[in-house]
Amino acid sequence: MNIIRWAAAAVTGLFVLMNLGAAIDPTQADWVRIASAALGIAGAVAAVGLASNRAWGRPAVIAVGALNLCDAAAALFTGEPGVVAGVVVGGLGVLLGVLAGTTPRTNASAA
C-alpha cells in the first residue's frame, strides 16, 4: 500500500500546482483565484500529511480531492477553463486517498 500512498501524495501535489497556477492567473475570475489559492494551500498540507504517514493525512487528501471536484463542477457551470483536468485529478486524488489505507507506525523499543 505504500506505493498507492505515494501516488496519492503525488496526485495531490499535482493539483496543488494546478490550483496555484490558477490562483496567480490574472485572467481568472476573482472567486476562482481565491478558491484555487485556498485549495492549493490545503492540498500542500494534505500531501505532506499523507507522505509523512500522519493519521490525518489520508482524510485530508480525500477531503481536498473532493473539494477540488466541487471546484471543477462550479467551473463547469460558470464556463471557466480547466474543468476536465480538475475532475480527473481531483477524482484520482479521492480514489487514491481511499485506496491508500494507513500503514501502522512501529517504534523501535529497547530490549
PDB file of N, CA and C in Angstrom:
ATOM      1  N   MET A   1       0.807  -1.194   0.000  1.00  0.00           N
ATOM      2  CA  MET A   1       0.000   0.000   0.000  1.00  0.00           C
ATOM      3  C   MET A   1       0.853   1.262   0.000  1.00  0.00           C
ATOM      4  N   ASN A   2       2.123   1.125   0.250  1.00  0.00           N
ATOM      5  CA  ASN A   2       2.998   2.280   0.308  1.00  0.00           C
ATOM      6  C   ASN A   2       3.045   3.006  -1.032  1.00  0.00           C
ATOM      7  N   ILE A   3       3.057   2.259  -2.145  1.00  0.00           N
ATOM      8  CA  ILE A   3       3.131   2.897  -3.458  1.00  0.00           C
ATOM      9  C   ILE A   3       1.847   3.661  -3.771  1.00  0.00           C
ATOM     10  N   ILE A   4       0.709   3.165  -3.322  1.00  0.00           N
ATOM     11  CA  ILE A   4      -0.550   3.877  -3.539  1.00  0.00           C
ATOM     12  C   ILE A   4      -0.559   5.161  -2.714  1.00  0.00           C
ATOM     13  N   ARG A   5      -0.028   5.094  -1.509  1.00  0.00           N
ATOM     14  CA  ARG A   5       0.046   6.298  -0.672  1.00  0.00           C
ATOM     15  C   ARG A   5       0.901   7.367  -1.337  1.00  0.00           C
ATOM     16  N   TRP A   6       2.041   6.965  -1.885  1.00  0.00           N
ATOM     17  CA  TRP A   6       2.907   7.927  -2.564  1.00  0.00           C
ATOM     18  C   TRP A   6       2.264   8.441  -3.845  1.00  0.00           C
ATOM     19  N   ALA A   7       1.544   7.588  -4.551  1.00  0.00           N
ATOM     20  CA  ALA A   7       0.835   8.041  -5.750  1.00  0.00           C
ATOM     21  C   ALA A   7      -0.234   9.061  -5.384  1.00  0.00           C
ATOM     22  N   ALA A   8      -0.951   8.831  -4.282  1.00  0.00           N
ATOM     23  CA  ALA A   8      -1.972   9.785  -3.828  1.00  0.00           C
ATOM     24  C   ALA A   8      -1.331  11.111  -3.451  1.00  0.00           C
ATOM     25  N   ALA A   9      -0.185  11.062  -2.802  1.00  0.00           N
ATOM     26  CA  ALA A   9       0.521  12.296  -2.440  1.00  0.00           C
ATOM     27  C   ALA A   9       1.001  13.029  -3.700  1.00  0.00           C
ATOM     28  N   ALA A  10       1.455  12.279  -4.697  1.00  0.00           N
ATOM     29  CA  ALA A  10       1.925  12.897  -5.944  1.00  0.00           C
ATOM     30  C   ALA A  10       0.773  13.542  -6.713  1.00  0.00           C
ATOM     31  N   VAL A  11      -0.360  12.865  -6.790  1.00  0.00           N
ATOM     32  CA  VAL A  11      -1.523  13.436  -7.473  1.00  0.00           C
ATOM     33  C   VAL A  11      -2.006  14.678  -6.733  1.00  0.00           C
ATOM     34  N   THR A  12      -1.986  14.626  -5.413  1.00  0.00           N
ATOM     35  CA  THR A  12      -2.372  15.804  -4.637  1.00  0.00           C
ATOM     36  C   THR A  12      -1.407  16.951  -4.903  1.00  0.00           C
ATOM     37  N   GLY A  13      -0.140  16.651  -4.988  1.00  0.00           N
ATOM     38  CA  GLY A  13       0.852  17.674  -5.336  1.00  0.00           C
ATOM     39  C   GLY A  13       0.620  18.243  -6.730  1.00  0.00           C
ATOM     40  N   LEU A  14       0.156  17.397  -7.645  1.00  0.00           N
ATOM     41  CA  LEU A  14      -0.138  17.867  -8.997  1.00  0.00           C
ATOM     42  C   LEU A  14      -1.290  18.857  -8.983  1.00  0.00           C
ATOM     43  N   PHE A  15      -2.363  18.554  -8.239  1.00  0.00           N
ATOM     44  CA  PHE A  15      -3.438  19.537  -8.267  1.00  0.00           C
ATOM     45  C   PHE A  15      -3.147  20.742  -7.390  1.00  0.00           C
ATOM     46  N   VAL A  16      -2.165  20.648  -6.502  1.00  0.00           N
ATOM     47  CA  VAL A  16      -1.683  21.853  -5.816  1.00  0.00           C
ATOM     48  C   VAL A  16      -1.051  22.788  -6.845  1.00  0.00           C
ATOM     49  N   LEU A  17      -0.228  22.238  -7.720  1.00  0.00           N
ATOM     50  CA  LEU A  17       0.400  23.058  -8.755  1.00  0.00           C
ATOM     51  C   LEU A  17      -0.626  23.636  -9.719  1.00  0.00           C
ATOM     52  N   MET A  18      -1.630  22.825 -10.075  1.00  0.00           N
ATOM     53  CA  MET A  18      -2.679  23.312 -10.966  1.00  0.00           C
ATOM     54  C   MET A  18      -3.469  24.445 -10.308  1.00  0.00           C
ATOM     55  N   ASN A  19      -3.793  24.293  -9.043  1.00  0.00           N
ATOM     56  CA  ASN A  19      -4.550  25.323  -8.341  1.00  0.00           C
ATOM     57  C   ASN A  19      -3.733  26.595  -8.138  1.00  0.00           C
ATOM     58  N   LEU A  20      -2.462  26.442  -7.841  1.00  0.00           N
ATOM     59  CA  LEU A  20      -1.627  27.630  -7.674  1.00  0.00           C
ATOM     60  C   LEU A  20      -1.439  28.360  -9.004  1.00  0.00           C
ATOM     61  N   GLY A  21      -1.395  27.592 -10.094  1.00  0.00           N
ATOM     62  CA  GLY A  21      -1.337  28.222 -11.410  1.00  0.00           C
ATOM     63  C   GLY A  21      -2.587  29.043 -11.696  1.00  0.00           C
ATOM     64  N   ALA A  22      -3.742  28.516 -11.313  1.00  0.00           N
ATOM     65  CA  ALA A  22      -4.995  29.257 -11.495  1.00  0.00           C
ATOM     66  C   ALA A  22      -5.062  30.445 -10.546  1.00  0.00           C
ATOM     67  N   ALA A  23      -4.464  30.318  -9.381  1.00  0.00           N
ATOM     68  CA  ALA A  23      -4.514  31.404  -8.395  1.00  0.00           C
ATOM     69  C   ALA A  23      -3.710  32.622  -8.838  1.00  0.00           C
ATOM     70  N   ILE A  24      -2.653  32.416  -9.577  1.00  0.00           N
ATOM     71  CA  ILE A  24      -1.826  33.552  -9.992  1.00  0.00           C
ATOM     72  C   ILE A  24      -2.163  34.047 -11.397  1.00  0.00           C
ATOM     73  N   ASP A  25      -3.104  33.391 -12.067  1.00  0.00           N
ATOM     74  CA  ASP A  25      -3.504  33.791 -13.413  1.00  0.00           C
ATOM     75  C   ASP A  25      -4.437  35.001 -13.346  1.00  0.00           C
ATOM     76  N   PRO A  26      -4.008  36.147 -13.856  1.00  0.00           N
ATOM     77  CA  PRO A  26      -4.848  37.347 -13.744  1.00  0.00           C
ATOM     78  C   PRO A  26      -6.100  37.304 -14.617  1.00  0.00           C
ATOM     79  N   THR A  27      -6.178  36.366 -15.552  1.00  0.00           N
ATOM     80  CA  THR A  27      -7.363  36.290 -16.403  1.00  0.00           C
ATOM     81  C   THR A  27      -8.506  35.520 -15.747  1.00  0.00           C
ATOM     82  N   GLN A  28      -8.243  34.845 -14.639  1.00  0.00           N
ATOM     83  CA  GLN A  28      -9.282  34.088 -13.941  1.00  0.00           C
ATOM     84  C   GLN A  28     -10.182  35.033 -13.155  1.00  0.00           C
ATOM     85  N   ALA A  29     -11.403  34.583 -12.924  1.00  0.00           N
ATOM     86  CA  ALA A  29     -12.328  35.342 -12.083  1.00  0.00           C
ATOM     87  C   ALA A  29     -11.787  35.368 -10.651  1.00  0.00           C
ATOM     88  N   ASP A  30     -12.182  36.383  -9.904  1.00  0.00           N
ATOM     89  CA  ASP A  30     -11.672  36.530  -8.537  1.00  0.00           C
ATOM     90  C   ASP A  30     -12.013  35.334  -7.663  1.00  0.00           C
ATOM     91  N   TRP A  31     -13.245  34.799  -7.777  1.00  0.00           N
ATOM     92  CA  TRP A  31     -13.626  33.666  -6.938  1.00  0.00           C
ATOM     93  C   TRP A  31     -12.806  32.436  -7.282  1.00  0.00           C
ATOM     94  N   VAL A  32     -12.422  32.295  -8.543  1.00  0.00           N
ATOM     95  CA  VAL A  32     -11.594  31.153  -8.950  1.00  0.00           C
ATOM     96  C   VAL A  32     -10.199  31.294  -8.358  1.00  0.00           C
ATOM     97  N   ARG A  33      -9.670  32.502  -8.377  1.00  0.00           N
ATOM     98  CA  ARG A  33      -8.330  32.729  -7.837  1.00  0.00           C
ATOM     99  C   ARG A  33      -8.286  32.480  -6.332  1.00  0.00           C
ATOM    100  N   ILE A  34      -9.318  32.943  -5.623  1.00  0.00           N
ATOM    101  CA  ILE A  34      -9.357  32.753  -4.168  1.00  0.00           C
ATOM    102  C   ILE A  34      -9.531  31.281  -3.820  1.00  0.00           C
ATOM    103  N   ALA A  35     -10.468  30.619  -4.484  1.00  0.00           N
ATOM    104  CA  ALA A  35     -10.702  29.188  -4.215  1.00  0.00           C
ATOM    105  C   ALA A  35      -9.473  28.364  -4.575  1.00  0.00           C
ATOM    106  N   SER A  36      -8.827  28.702  -5.680  1.00  0.00           N
ATOM    107  CA  SER A  36      -7.633  27.953  -6.094  1.00  0.00           C
ATOM    108  C   SER A  36      -6.481  28.128  -5.112  1.00  0.00           C
ATOM    109  N   ALA A  37      -6.310  29.340  -4.600  1.00  0.00           N
ATOM    110  CA  ALA A  37      -5.252  29.563  -3.616  1.00  0.00           C
ATOM    111  C   ALA A  37      -5.521  28.775  -2.339  1.00  0.00           C
ATOM    112  N   ALA A  38      -6.768  28.796  -1.884  1.00  0.00           N
ATOM    113  CA  ALA A  38      -7.117  28.047  -0.668  1.00  0.00           C
ATOM    114  C   ALA A  38      -6.938  26.544  -0.878  1.00  0.00           C
ATOM    115  N   LEU A  39      -7.383  26.041  -2.032  1.00  0.00           N
ATOM    116  CA  LEU A  39      -7.221  24.614  -2.317  1.00  0.00           C
ATOM    117  C   LEU A  39      -5.750  24.238  -2.491  1.00  0.00           C
ATOM    118  N   GLY A  40      -4.968  25.140  -3.041  1.00  0.00           N
ATOM    119  CA  GLY A  40      -3.542  24.869  -3.198  1.00  0.00           C
ATOM    120  C   GLY A  40      -2.840  24.723  -1.857  1.00  0.00           C
ATOM    121  N   ILE A  41      -3.144  25.624  -0.938  1.00  0.00           N
ATOM    122  CA  ILE A  41      -2.529  25.554   0.394  1.00  0.00           C
ATOM    123  C   ILE A  41      -3.005  24.320   1.145  1.00  0.00           C
ATOM    124  N   ALA A  42      -4.311  24.072   1.110  1.00  0.00           N
ATOM    125  CA  ALA A  42      -4.854  22.893   1.800  1.00  0.00           C
ATOM    126  C   ALA A  42      -4.313  21.603   1.192  1.00  0.00           C
ATOM    127  N   GLY A  43      -4.169  21.569  -0.125  1.00  0.00           N
ATOM    128  CA  GLY A  43      -3.626  20.386  -0.787  1.00  0.00           C
ATOM    129  C   GLY A  43      -2.179  20.129  -0.426  1.00  0.00           C
ATOM    130  N   ALA A  44      -1.393  21.196  -0.300  1.00  0.00           N
ATOM    131  CA  ALA A  44       0.012  21.034   0.081  1.00  0.00           C
ATOM    132  C   ALA A  44       0.125  20.448   1.483  1.00  0.00           C
ATOM    133  N   VAL A  45      -0.693  20.956   2.391  1.00  0.00           N
ATOM    134  CA  VAL A  45      -0.686  20.427   3.758  1.00  0.00           C
ATOM    135  C   VAL A  45      -1.124  18.962   3.758  1.00  0.00           C
ATOM    136  N   ALA A  46      -2.168  18.639   2.993  1.00  0.00           N
ATOM    137  CA  ALA A  46      -2.671  17.259   2.933  1.00  0.00           C
ATOM    138  C   ALA A  46      -1.629  16.315   2.329  1.00  0.00           C
ATOM    139  N   ALA A  47      -0.966  16.744   1.274  1.00  0.00           N
ATOM    140  CA  ALA A  47       0.048  15.891   0.637  1.00  0.00           C
ATOM    141  C   ALA A  47       1.210  15.609   1.579  1.00  0.00           C
ATOM    142  N   VAL A  48       1.640  16.623   2.312  1.00  0.00           N
ATOM    143  CA  VAL A  48       2.725  16.431   3.281  1.00  0.00           C
ATOM    144  C   VAL A  48       2.264  15.492   4.396  1.00  0.00           C
ATOM    145  N   GLY A  49       1.025  15.672   4.846  1.00  0.00           N
ATOM    146  CA  GLY A  49       0.495  14.794   5.892  1.00  0.00           C
ATOM    147  C   GLY A  49       0.424  13.347   5.459  1.00  0.00           C
ATOM    148  N   LEU A  50      -0.006  13.121   4.220  1.00  0.00           N
ATOM    149  CA  LEU A  50      -0.083  11.744   3.725  1.00  0.00           C
ATOM    150  C   LEU A  50       1.309  11.163   3.486  1.00  0.00           C
ATOM    151  N   ALA A  51       2.191  11.957   2.919  1.00  0.00           N
ATOM    152  CA  ALA A  51       3.544  11.473   2.643  1.00  0.00           C
ATOM    153  C   ALA A  51       4.305  11.139   3.918  1.00  0.00           C
ATOM    154  N   SER A  52       4.033  11.886   4.984  1.00  0.00           N
ATOM    155  CA  SER A  52       4.713  11.612   6.252  1.00  0.00           C
ATOM    156  C   SER A  52       3.935  10.637   7.126  1.00  0.00           C
ATOM    157  N   ASN A  53       2.890  10.036   6.559  1.00  0.00           N
ATOM    158  CA  ASN A  53       2.103   8.976   7.206  1.00  0.00           C
ATOM    159  C   ASN A  53       1.433   9.450   8.501  1.00  0.00           C
ATOM    160  N   ARG A  54       0.956  10.672   8.494  1.00  0.00           N
ATOM    161  CA  ARG A  54       0.209  11.190   9.646  1.00  0.00           C
ATOM    162  C   ARG A  54      -1.198  10.610   9.622  1.00  0.00           C
ATOM    163  N   ALA A  55      -1.805  10.503  10.772  1.00  0.00           N
ATOM    164  CA  ALA A  55      -3.152   9.934  10.867  1.00  0.00           C
ATOM    165  C   ALA A  55      -4.173  10.784  10.121  1.00  0.00           C
ATOM    166  N   TRP A  56      -3.968  12.085  10.067  1.00  0.00           N
ATOM    167  CA  TRP A  56      -4.903  12.994   9.417  1.00  0.00           C
ATOM    168  C   TRP A  56      -4.613  13.174   7.933  1.00  0.00           C
ATOM    169  N   GLY A  57      -3.525  12.636   7.427  1.00  0.00           N
ATOM    170  CA  GLY A  57      -3.122  12.843   6.038  1.00  0.00           C
ATOM    171  C   GLY A  57      -4.075  12.236   5.024  1.00  0.00           C
ATOM    172  N   ARG A  58      -4.485  11.013   5.258  1.00  0.00           N
ATOM    173  CA  ARG A  58      -5.387  10.336   4.322  1.00  0.00           C
ATOM    174  C   ARG A  58      -6.744  11.017   4.250  1.00  0.00           C
ATOM    175  N   PRO A  59      -7.413  11.297   5.380  1.00  0.00           N
ATOM    176  CA  PRO A  59      -8.689  12.014   5.269  1.00  0.00           C
ATOM    177  C   PRO A  59      -8.537  13.409   4.663  1.00  0.00           C
ATOM    178  N   ALA A  60      -7.410  14.046   4.905  1.00  0.00           N
ATOM    179  CA  ALA A  60      -7.192  15.378   4.334  1.00  0.00           C
ATOM    180  C   ALA A  60      -7.068  15.311   2.817  1.00  0.00           C
ATOM    181  N   VAL A  61      -6.364  14.303   2.298  1.00  0.00           N
ATOM    182  CA  VAL A  61      -6.227  14.146   0.851  1.00  0.00           C
ATOM    183  C   VAL A  61      -7.585  13.857   0.223  1.00  0.00           C
ATOM    184  N   ILE A  62      -8.370  13.016   0.866  1.00  0.00           N
ATOM    185  CA  ILE A  62      -9.707  12.708   0.346  1.00  0.00           C
ATOM    186  C   ILE A  62     -10.572  13.970   0.342  1.00  0.00           C
ATOM    187  N   ALA A  63     -10.533  14.729   1.418  1.00  0.00           N
ATOM    188  CA  ALA A  63     -11.342  15.949   1.522  1.00  0.00           C
ATOM    189  C   ALA A  63     -10.914  16.996   0.497  1.00  0.00           C
ATOM    190  N   VAL A  64      -9.623  17.194   0.336  1.00  0.00           N
ATOM    191  CA  VAL A  64      -9.143  18.195  -0.612  1.00  0.00           C
ATOM    192  C   VAL A  64      -9.433  17.751  -2.046  1.00  0.00           C
ATOM    193  N   GLY A  65      -9.326  16.467  -2.312  1.00  0.00           N
ATOM    194  CA  GLY A  65      -9.696  15.967  -3.639  1.00  0.00           C
ATOM    195  C   GLY A  65     -11.175  16.180  -3.922  1.00  0.00           C
ATOM    196  N   ALA A  66     -12.022  15.944  -2.922  1.00  0.00           N
ATOM    197  CA  ALA A  66     -13.457  16.171  -3.092  1.00  0.00           C
ATOM    198  C   ALA A  66     -13.756  17.655  -3.292  1.00  0.00           C
ATOM    199  N   LEU A  67     -13.060  18.516  -2.567  1.00  0.00           N
ATOM    200  CA  LEU A  67     -13.241  19.957  -2.761  1.00  0.00           C
ATOM    201  C   LEU A  67     -12.780  20.386  -4.152  1.00  0.00           C
ATOM    202  N   ASN A  68     -11.732  19.752  -4.641  1.00  0.00           N
ATOM    203  CA  ASN A  68     -11.265  20.048  -5.990  1.00  0.00           C
ATOM    204  C   ASN A  68     -12.306  19.619  -7.023  1.00  0.00           C
ATOM    205  N   LEU A  69     -12.971  18.496  -6.779  1.00  0.00           N
ATOM    206  CA  LEU A  69     -14.062  18.068  -7.659  1.00  0.00           C
ATOM    207  C   LEU A  69     -15.214  19.071  -7.630  1.00  0.00           C
ATOM    208  N   CYS A  70     -15.549  19.571  -6.461  1.00  0.00           N
ATOM    209  CA  CYS A  70     -16.614  20.578  -6.342  1.00  0.00           C
ATOM    210  C   CYS A  70     -16.225  21.862  -7.066  1.00  0.00           C
ATOM    211  N   ASP A  71     -14.969  22.244  -6.959  1.00  0.00           N
ATOM    212  CA  ASP A  71     -14.478  23.431  -7.652  1.00  0.00           C
ATOM    213  C   ASP A  71     -14.568  23.239  -9.164  1.00  0.00           C
ATOM    214  N   ALA A  72     -14.236  22.048  -9.638  1.00  0.00           N
ATOM    215  CA  ALA A  72     -14.340  21.763 -11.071  1.00  0.00           C
ATOM    216  C   ALA A  72     -15.794  21.794 -11.532  1.00  0.00           C
ATOM    217  N   ALA A  73     -16.704  21.293 -10.695  1.00  0.00           N
ATOM    218  CA  ALA A  73     -18.126  21.334 -11.039  1.00  0.00           C
ATOM    219  C   ALA A  73     -18.618  22.779 -11.109  1.00  0.00           C
ATOM    220  N   ALA A  74     -18.185  23.602 -10.181  1.00  0.00           N
ATOM    221  CA  ALA A  74     -18.567  25.021 -10.217  1.00  0.00           C
ATOM    222  C   ALA A  74     -18.008  25.689 -11.466  1.00  0.00           C
ATOM    223  N   ALA A  75     -16.783  25.351 -11.833  1.00  0.00           N
ATOM    224  CA  ALA A  75     -16.182  25.915 -13.036  1.00  0.00           C
ATOM    225  C   ALA A  75     -16.927  25.463 -14.287  1.00  0.00           C
ATOM    226  N   LEU A  76     -17.458  24.246 -14.259  1.00  0.00           N
ATOM    227  CA  LEU A  76     -18.241  23.749 -15.394  1.00  0.00           C
ATOM    228  C   LEU A  76     -19.477  24.611 -15.617  1.00  0.00           C
ATOM    229  N   PHE A  77     -20.169  24.943 -14.540  1.00  0.00           N
ATOM    230  CA  PHE A  77     -21.413  25.700 -14.662  1.00  0.00           C
ATOM    231  C   PHE A  77     -21.190  27.184 -14.936  1.00  0.00           C
ATOM    232  N   THR A  78     -19.995  27.682 -14.639  1.00  0.00           N
ATOM    233  CA  THR A  78     -19.716  29.094 -14.891  1.00  0.00           C
ATOM    234  C   THR A  78     -18.882  29.318 -16.144  1.00  0.00           C
ATOM    235  N   GLY A  79     -18.501  28.249 -16.820  1.00  0.00           N
ATOM    236  CA  GLY A  79     -17.771  28.369 -18.072  1.00  0.00           C
ATOM    237  C   GLY A  79     -16.293  28.658 -17.932  1.00  0.00           C
ATOM    238  N   GLU A  80     -15.723  28.390 -16.778  1.00  0.00           N
ATOM    239  CA  GLU A  80     -14.290  28.596 -16.569  1.00  0.00           C
ATOM    240  C   GLU A  80     -13.509  27.434 -17.194  1.00  0.00           C
ATOM    241  N   PRO A  81     -12.273  27.681 -17.621  1.00  0.00           N
ATOM    242  CA  PRO A  81     -11.473  26.598 -18.213  1.00  0.00           C
ATOM    243  C   PRO A  81     -10.919  25.645 -17.158  1.00  0.00           C
ATOM    244  N   GLY A  82     -10.463  24.482 -17.585  1.00  0.00           N
ATOM    245  CA  GLY A  82      -9.805  23.527 -16.710  1.00  0.00           C
ATOM    246  C   GLY A  82     -10.718  22.543 -16.023  1.00  0.00           C
ATOM    247  N   VAL A  83     -11.936  22.409 -16.510  1.00  0.00           N
ATOM    248  CA  VAL A  83     -12.904  21.532 -15.853  1.00  0.00           C
ATOM    249  C   VAL A  83     -12.475  20.074 -15.925  1.00  0.00           C
ATOM    250  N   VAL A  84     -12.108  19.617 -17.109  1.00  0.00           N
ATOM    251  CA  VAL A  84     -11.769  18.204 -17.293  1.00  0.00           C
ATOM    252  C   VAL A  84     -10.551  17.828 -16.454  1.00  0.00           C
ATOM    253  N   ALA A  85      -9.529  18.658 -16.482  1.00  0.00           N
ATOM    254  CA  ALA A  85      -8.333  18.373 -15.692  1.00  0.00           C
ATOM    255  C   ALA A  85      -8.651  18.370 -14.203  1.00  0.00           C
ATOM    256  N   GLY A  86      -9.492  19.291 -13.755  1.00  0.00           N
ATOM    257  CA  GLY A  86      -9.878  19.331 -12.347  1.00  0.00           C
ATOM    258  C   GLY A  86     -10.647  18.105 -11.916  1.00  0.00           C
ATOM    259  N   VAL A  87     -11.538  17.626 -12.776  1.00  0.00           N
ATOM    260  CA  VAL A  87     -12.317  16.425 -12.455  1.00  0.00           C
ATOM    261  C   VAL A  87     -11.418  15.191 -12.413  1.00  0.00           C
ATOM    262  N   VAL A  88     -10.553  15.064 -13.391  1.00  0.00           N
ATOM    263  CA  VAL A  88      -9.682  13.883 -13.456  1.00  0.00           C
ATOM    264  C   VAL A  88      -8.713  13.848 -12.278  1.00  0.00           C
ATOM    265  N   VAL A  89      -8.027  14.946 -12.031  1.00  0.00           N
ATOM    266  CA  VAL A  89      -7.018  14.951 -10.973  1.00  0.00           C
ATOM    267  C   VAL A  89      -7.674  14.914  -9.592  1.00  0.00           C
ATOM    268  N   GLY A  90      -8.770  15.635  -9.411  1.00  0.00           N
ATOM    269  CA  GLY A  90      -9.492  15.575  -8.141  1.00  0.00           C
ATOM    270  C   GLY A  90     -10.054  14.186  -7.878  1.00  0.00           C
ATOM    271  N   GLY A  91     -10.607  13.568  -8.923  1.00  0.00           N
ATOM    272  CA  GLY A  91     -11.128  12.206  -8.780  1.00  0.00           C
ATOM    273  C   GLY A  91     -10.039  11.197  -8.454  1.00  0.00           C
ATOM    274  N   LEU A  92      -8.890  11.344  -9.096  1.00  0.00           N
ATOM    275  CA  LEU A  92      -7.763  10.461  -8.779  1.00  0.00           C
ATOM    276  C   LEU A  92      -7.285  10.666  -7.346  1.00  0.00           C
ATOM    277  N   GLY A  93      -7.283  11.913  -6.901  1.00  0.00           N
ATOM    278  CA  GLY A  93      -6.884  12.184  -5.516  1.00  0.00           C
ATOM    279  C   GLY A  93      -7.800  11.499  -4.527  1.00  0.00           C
ATOM    280  N   VAL A  94      -9.109  11.594  -4.771  1.00  0.00           N
ATOM    281  CA  VAL A  94     -10.070  10.934  -3.885  1.00  0.00           C
ATOM    282  C   VAL A  94      -9.897   9.419  -3.947  1.00  0.00           C
ATOM    283  N   LEU A  95      -9.843   8.863  -5.143  1.00  0.00           N
ATOM    284  CA  LEU A  95      -9.734   7.409  -5.307  1.00  0.00           C
ATOM    285  C   LEU A  95      -8.456   6.863  -4.678  1.00  0.00           C
ATOM    286  N   LEU A  96      -7.333   7.482  -4.979  1.00  0.00           N
ATOM    287  CA  LEU A  96      -6.071   7.003  -4.408  1.00  0.00           C
ATOM    288  C   LEU A  96      -6.012   7.228  -2.903  1.00  0.00           C
ATOM    289  N   GLY A  97      -6.624   8.314  -2.436  1.00  0.00           N
ATOM    290  CA  GLY A  97      -6.679   8.551  -0.995  1.00  0.00           C
ATOM    291  C   GLY A  97      -7.469   7.466  -0.285  1.00  0.00           C
ATOM    292  N   VAL A  98      -8.570   7.053  -0.879  1.00  0.00           N
ATOM    293  CA  VAL A  98      -9.379   5.974  -0.296  1.00  0.00           C
ATOM    294  C   VAL A  98      -8.611   4.663  -0.313  1.00  0.00           C
ATOM    295  N   LEU A  99      -7.931   4.396  -1.415  1.00  0.00           N
ATOM    296  CA  LEU A  99      -7.194   3.130  -1.541  1.00  0.00           C
ATOM    297  C   LEU A  99      -5.897   3.098  -0.746  1.00  0.00           C
ATOM    298  N   ALA A 100      -5.402   4.257  -0.340  1.00  0.00           N
ATOM    299  CA  ALA A 100      -4.093   4.319   0.322  1.00  0.00           C
ATOM    300  C   ALA A 100      -4.079   3.577   1.647  1.00  0.00           C
ATOM    301  N   GLY A 101      -5.159   3.628   2.393  1.00  0.00           N
ATOM    302  CA  GLY A 101      -5.169   2.973   3.697  1.00  0.00           C
ATOM    303  C   GLY A 101      -4.172   3.640   4.622  1.00  0.00           C
ATOM    304  N   THR A 102      -3.948   3.027   5.724  1.00  0.00           N
ATOM    305  CA  THR A 102      -2.964   3.559   6.660  1.00  0.00           C
ATOM    306  C   THR A 102      -1.955   2.477   6.976  1.00  0.00           C
ATOM    307  N   THR A 103      -0.729   2.885   7.068  1.00  0.00           N
ATOM    308  CA  THR A 103       0.347   1.977   7.429  1.00  0.00           C
ATOM    309  C   THR A 103       0.689   2.236   8.886  1.00  0.00           C
ATOM    310  N   PRO A 104       0.550   1.231   9.727  1.00  0.00           N
ATOM    311  CA  PRO A 104       0.845   1.477  11.138  1.00  0.00           C
ATOM    312  C   PRO A 104       2.325   1.785  11.342  1.00  0.00           C
ATOM    313  N   ARG A 105       2.574   2.737  12.213  1.00  0.00           N
ATOM    314  CA  ARG A 105       3.957   3.069  12.544  1.00  0.00           C
ATOM    315  C   ARG A 105       4.440   2.129  13.632  1.00  0.00           C
ATOM    316  N   THR A 106       5.652   1.712  13.509  1.00  0.00           N
ATOM    317  CA  THR A 106       6.240   0.881  14.548  1.00  0.00           C
ATOM    318  C   THR A 106       7.408   1.638  15.153  1.00  0.00           C
ATOM    319  N   ASN A 107       7.455   1.625  16.445  1.00  0.00           N
ATOM    320  CA  ASN A 107       8.549   2.279  17.148  1.00  0.00           C
ATOM    321  C   ASN A 107       9.535   1.215  17.623  1.00  0.00           C
ATOM    322  N   ALA A 108      10.785   1.542  17.504  1.00  0.00           N
ATOM    323  CA  ALA A 108      11.805   0.618  17.984  1.00  0.00           C
ATOM    324  C   ALA A 108      11.815   0.680  19.514  1.00  0.00           C
ATOM    325  N   SER A 109      11.873  -0.463  20.114  1.00  0.00           N
ATOM    326  CA  SER A 109      11.906  -0.482  21.567  1.00  0.00           C
ATOM    327  C   SER A 109      13.242  -1.094  22.026  1.00  0.00           C
ATOM    328  N   ALA A 110      13.709  -0.583  23.116  1.00  0.00           N
ATOM    329  CA  ALA A 110      14.947  -1.115  23.683  1.00  0.00           C
ATOM    330  C   ALA A 110      14.653  -2.407  24.400  1.00  0.00           C
ATOM    331  N   ALA A 111      15.280  -3.448  23.945  1.00  0.00           N
ATOM    332  CA  ALA A 111      15.002  -4.748  24.564  1.00  0.00           C
ATOM    333  C   ALA A 111      16.175  -5.210  25.379  1.00  0.00           C
TER     334      ALA A 111
END
